[in-house]
Protein backbone atom coordinates (compact mmCIF):
# COMPACT_ATOMS: atom_id res chain seq x y z
CA MET A 1 220.74 171.50 113.61
CA ALA A 2 217.97 171.75 116.35
CA SER A 3 214.78 173.80 115.87
CA LEU A 4 215.04 177.85 116.64
CA ASN A 5 211.36 178.57 118.97
CA ASP A 6 214.51 178.73 122.38
CA SER A 7 216.11 181.23 120.12
CA THR A 8 213.34 183.17 119.49
CA VAL A 9 212.98 182.75 123.25
CA ALA A 10 215.66 184.28 123.72
CA SER A 11 215.82 187.03 121.88
CA ALA A 12 212.59 188.14 123.28
CA LEU A 13 214.07 187.83 126.87
CA GLY A 14 216.86 189.61 125.90
CA LEU A 15 218.93 186.11 126.40
CA PRO A 16 222.43 184.67 124.28
CA VAL A 17 220.49 183.44 121.04
CA HIS A 18 221.42 180.04 119.91
CA PRO A 19 219.47 176.42 120.38
CA PHE A 20 221.38 175.38 122.92
CA HIS A 21 220.38 174.98 127.10
CA PRO A 22 220.28 176.83 129.32
CA LEU A 23 219.04 179.55 127.17
CA ASP A 24 221.56 181.86 128.97
CA ALA A 25 224.60 179.87 128.35
CA ILE A 26 227.03 182.29 126.91
CA VAL A 27 228.40 180.80 123.21
CA ASN A 28 230.61 183.84 122.33
CA ASP A 29 230.24 184.05 118.30
CA TYR A 30 227.88 181.57 117.68
CA VAL A 31 227.45 181.21 113.73
CA GLU A 32 225.05 177.93 112.82
CA ASN A 33 226.70 175.03 110.96
CA THR A 34 226.20 175.05 107.19
CA MET A 35 226.55 171.04 107.74
CA SER A 36 222.78 168.68 108.23
CA THR A 37 222.73 166.59 111.16
CA LEU A 38 222.71 163.35 108.43
CA THR A 39 225.96 165.06 107.47
CA ILE A 40 227.55 165.16 109.90
CA LEU A 41 226.71 162.25 111.74
CA THR A 42 228.10 160.46 108.28
CA ILE A 43 230.78 161.83 107.99
CA PHE A 44 231.36 160.73 111.52
CA ALA A 45 230.18 156.96 111.35
CA SER A 46 232.65 157.33 107.91
CA THR A 47 235.85 158.12 109.28
CA CYS A 48 235.67 155.68 112.17
CA VAL A 49 234.98 152.66 109.54
CA ALA A 50 238.11 154.38 107.46
CA ILE A 51 240.12 154.17 110.46
CA LEU A 52 238.69 150.50 111.47
CA LEU A 53 238.87 148.36 108.51
CA PRO A 54 242.33 149.20 107.24
CA THR A 55 243.30 148.52 111.01
CA LEU A 56 241.49 145.08 110.93
CA LEU A 57 243.57 144.19 107.82
CA LEU A 58 246.89 144.91 109.05
CA ILE A 59 246.21 143.45 112.19
CA LEU A 60 245.00 140.03 110.44
CA ARG A 61 248.16 139.84 107.92
CA LEU A 62 250.53 141.09 111.27
CA ARG A 63 249.02 138.13 113.44
CA PRO A 64 246.80 136.47 111.81
CA ASN A 65 246.35 133.65 114.37
CA LEU A 66 245.98 136.67 116.94
CA SER A 67 242.43 135.76 119.04
CA THR A 68 239.30 137.35 117.92
CA GLY A 69 238.72 138.99 121.53
CA ASP A 70 242.64 140.68 121.35
CA VAL A 71 241.95 141.80 117.45
CA SER A 72 238.70 143.33 118.70
CA THR A 73 240.65 145.06 121.84
CA ALA A 74 243.31 146.45 119.68
CA MET A 75 240.53 147.50 117.24
CA TRP A 76 239.27 149.42 119.98
CA PHE A 77 241.81 151.43 121.80
CA ILE A 78 242.93 152.24 117.64
CA VAL A 79 239.51 154.22 117.07
CA SER A 80 239.37 155.66 120.85
CA GLY A 81 242.90 156.83 120.44
CA SER A 82 242.32 158.74 117.02
CA ILE A 83 238.84 159.84 118.71
CA HIS A 84 241.03 161.14 121.33
CA LEU A 85 243.63 162.91 119.80
CA GLY A 86 241.63 163.96 116.73
CA LEU A 87 238.51 164.39 117.87
CA GLU A 88 238.67 165.10 121.84
CA GLY A 89 242.61 167.29 121.16
CA TYR A 90 240.66 169.73 118.31
CA PHE A 91 238.28 170.49 120.56
CA SER A 92 241.26 170.79 122.92
CA ILE A 93 243.16 173.02 121.37
CA ASN A 94 239.91 175.04 119.98
CA SER A 95 237.77 175.46 123.15
CA ALA A 96 237.58 179.72 122.88
CA ARG A 97 236.35 179.30 119.30
CA MET A 98 234.10 176.57 119.12
CA GLY A 99 230.98 179.32 118.72
CA PRO A 100 231.98 180.73 115.08
CA SER A 101 233.91 177.42 113.89
CA LEU A 102 232.51 175.90 110.29
CA THR A 103 235.40 173.61 110.23
CA VAL A 104 234.41 170.20 109.91
CA LEU A 105 235.02 169.15 113.48
CA GLY A 106 233.84 172.23 115.04
CA GLN A 107 230.09 171.61 113.12
CA LEU A 108 230.26 167.71 115.09
CA TRP A 109 231.40 169.69 118.21
CA LYS A 110 227.96 172.36 117.98
CA GLU A 111 225.59 169.21 116.74
CA TYR A 112 227.19 167.24 120.03
CA ALA A 113 226.90 170.52 122.25
CA LEU A 114 223.12 170.55 121.44
CA SER A 115 222.84 167.61 124.00
CA ASP A 116 225.87 169.29 126.29
CA SER A 117 225.92 173.07 125.93
CA ARG A 118 229.18 173.14 128.42
CA TYR A 119 231.22 172.27 124.89
CA LEU A 120 230.84 175.83 123.67
CA THR A 121 231.14 177.71 127.13
CA GLN A 122 234.49 176.74 127.85
CA ASP A 123 233.38 174.76 131.39
CA SER A 124 236.80 174.10 133.34
CA PHE A 125 235.74 170.48 134.14
CA VAL A 126 234.96 169.67 130.24
CA VAL A 127 238.67 171.36 128.57
CA CYS A 128 240.10 170.19 131.43
CA MET A 129 238.89 166.85 130.91
CA GLU A 130 239.07 166.94 126.96
CA THR A 131 242.62 167.32 127.36
CA VAL A 132 244.12 164.86 129.80
CA THR A 133 242.19 162.30 127.70
CA ALA A 134 243.81 163.75 124.26
CA PHE A 135 246.87 163.79 125.22
CA VAL A 136 247.68 161.97 127.33
CA TRP A 137 245.40 158.77 126.79
CA GLY A 138 244.89 159.16 123.16
CA PRO A 139 249.13 158.50 123.04
CA LEU A 140 248.54 155.39 125.41
CA CYS A 141 245.61 153.61 123.82
CA PHE A 142 247.56 153.85 120.37
CA LEU A 143 250.71 152.32 122.42
CA CYS A 144 248.36 148.73 124.04
CA ALA A 145 246.99 148.25 120.45
CA ALA A 146 250.66 147.69 119.18
CA ALA A 147 251.25 145.92 122.66
CA ILE A 148 248.24 143.93 122.12
CA VAL A 149 249.59 142.74 118.55
CA LEU A 150 252.86 142.39 119.56
CA ARG A 151 252.26 140.24 122.63
CA HIS A 152 254.05 142.96 124.32
CA PRO A 153 254.19 141.77 128.44
CA ALA A 154 253.26 145.05 129.33
CA ARG A 155 249.97 144.94 127.13
CA HIS A 156 247.76 144.10 130.75
CA SER A 157 249.52 146.71 132.49
CA LEU A 158 248.87 149.58 129.42
CA GLN A 159 245.01 148.32 129.01
CA GLY A 160 243.66 148.25 132.71
CA ILE A 161 245.85 151.87 133.73
CA ILE A 162 244.47 153.10 130.52
CA SER A 163 240.85 151.78 131.18
CA LEU A 164 240.46 152.93 134.38
CA GLY A 165 241.53 156.45 133.41
CA GLN A 166 238.63 156.62 130.77
CA LEU A 167 235.87 155.33 133.22
CA TYR A 168 237.26 157.66 135.48
CA GLY A 169 237.33 160.27 133.33
CA VAL A 170 233.23 158.98 131.58
CA VAL A 171 232.00 158.72 135.48
CA LEU A 172 233.20 162.36 136.90
CA TYR A 173 231.92 163.58 133.27
CA TYR A 174 228.47 161.97 134.19
CA ALA A 175 228.49 162.99 137.55
CA THR A 176 229.68 166.68 136.64
CA PHE A 177 226.45 166.85 134.41
CA GLU A 178 223.84 165.81 136.11
CA TYR A 179 224.97 167.17 139.66
CA ASP A 180 224.65 170.51 138.23
CA ASN A 181 221.12 169.75 137.35
CA VAL A 182 219.61 167.79 140.43
CA VAL A 183 221.09 170.68 142.61
CA TRP A 184 221.52 173.67 140.31
CA GLY A 185 218.83 173.08 138.09
CA ARG A 186 221.39 173.93 134.84
CA ASP A 187 219.86 171.50 131.98
CA TYR A 188 223.10 171.47 129.18
CA SER A 189 220.64 169.31 127.15
CA ARG A 190 218.66 170.50 125.03
CA PRO A 191 214.47 169.25 126.08
CA GLU A 192 214.43 166.60 122.54
CA ASN A 193 215.40 163.05 123.90
CA TYR A 194 217.41 161.93 121.72
CA TYR A 195 220.17 164.70 122.16
CA TYR A 196 219.99 162.91 125.84
CA TRP A 197 220.11 159.57 125.79
CA GLY A 198 221.16 159.81 121.97
CA TYR A 199 223.92 162.06 122.21
CA TYR A 200 224.50 162.27 125.55
CA VAL A 201 224.54 158.95 127.19
CA PHE A 202 224.47 156.52 123.76
CA LEU A 203 228.00 158.12 122.83
CA ASN A 204 229.85 158.03 126.00
CA ALA A 205 228.37 154.96 127.60
CA PHE A 206 230.79 152.85 125.26
CA TRP A 207 233.18 154.59 127.53
CA PHE A 208 232.03 153.31 130.34
CA PHE A 209 231.01 149.50 129.78
CA ILE A 210 234.04 149.08 127.61
CA PRO A 211 236.73 150.36 129.98
CA VAL A 212 235.20 148.11 133.15
CA THR A 213 234.89 144.52 130.76
CA LEU A 214 239.01 145.56 130.46
CA ILE A 215 239.94 146.21 133.59
CA LEU A 216 237.89 142.99 134.83
CA ARG A 217 240.37 141.22 131.90
CA SER A 218 242.99 142.22 133.00
CA ALA A 219 243.27 142.27 136.52
CA VAL A 220 241.79 138.64 136.06
CA ALA A 221 244.92 138.06 133.32
CA SER A 222 247.96 139.73 135.46
CA THR A 223 246.56 137.71 138.44
CA ARG A 224 246.59 134.70 137.06
CA ALA A 225 249.91 134.95 135.94
CA ILE A 226 251.63 136.29 139.06
CA ALA A 227 250.32 133.12 140.32
CA ALA A 228 252.00 131.08 137.97
CA VAL A 229 255.02 132.67 138.94
CA GLN A 230 254.65 132.22 142.88
CA ARG A 231 254.04 128.50 142.04
CA LEU A 232 257.29 128.34 140.09
CA GLU A 233 259.65 130.33 142.72
CA ALA A 234 257.60 128.02 145.52
CA LYS A 235 259.03 124.94 142.93
CA ALA A 236 262.76 126.34 142.81
CA GLY A 237 262.70 127.22 146.77
CA LYS A 238 261.66 123.30 147.42
CA LYS A 239 264.25 122.30 144.94
CA ASN A 240 267.22 125.15 146.38
C-alpha cells in the first residue's frame, strides 16, 4: 500500500484519511488492505496463468491443427472474458462497498485504485462502463473464443464487435481521466510514476492495442470473404 504521508497531510487539513488522490476524494468506510502489493499482484498473475494454461491444453486437444494466431486469439478472449466477468463483474456488483472490502478482489481493486481513485468513489462513468464491460463483453468473449476454436462463420463478426466495444471503452476511460486532469485539475492517480504508468497506462493498454489488431484482422477477413462471394455470384450470373 502507498505511503501514509498523504494521509497525514489530509488529516491535518481535515480531509478524508486515505492514500488515494485527490486527497479530498470521498472513500466511504475506508479500511487499509491487509495484503501486500506483491501478494496481490502474485495472486492476479497466478490466476491468469491458471486460466491460460488449461485453456491452451484444451484448445490443442480439440483443434491440434489450429493456427498459432487463432490459438493466441482464443486465449486472449478467454482471459479477457474471465477478467471482465470475474474482476470487473465483482466491481460492478460491489462498487458501493469497495472502501471497507477486505476480500481478495476488493483488495486488488483498492490496490489498482491508487492509480485511479474513481473506482472507490462510485464514479458514474466507471461504474456504468465496467458494468457493460462485465456483463456484455464478458460473456461474448467466451462465445467468440468458442467460435474461433470451432471455426464458426460468425467468428469475425463477434471478434470485430467485441474488440470495437473494448476499444471504445478503454478510449473513453483514458479520455475521461485525462480530461478531468487537464480541464479541472483533478488527478486521480497518486504521484508515484509506477501507479500511473504501470497500473493505469500499461495494464489498460492491452485493451487498446490488441482490439485494434483484431479489428483490422476481422476487417481484412470479412472483406476477402465478401469479395470471394461476389466473384462466385458474378460467375454464376454469367452462366445464367
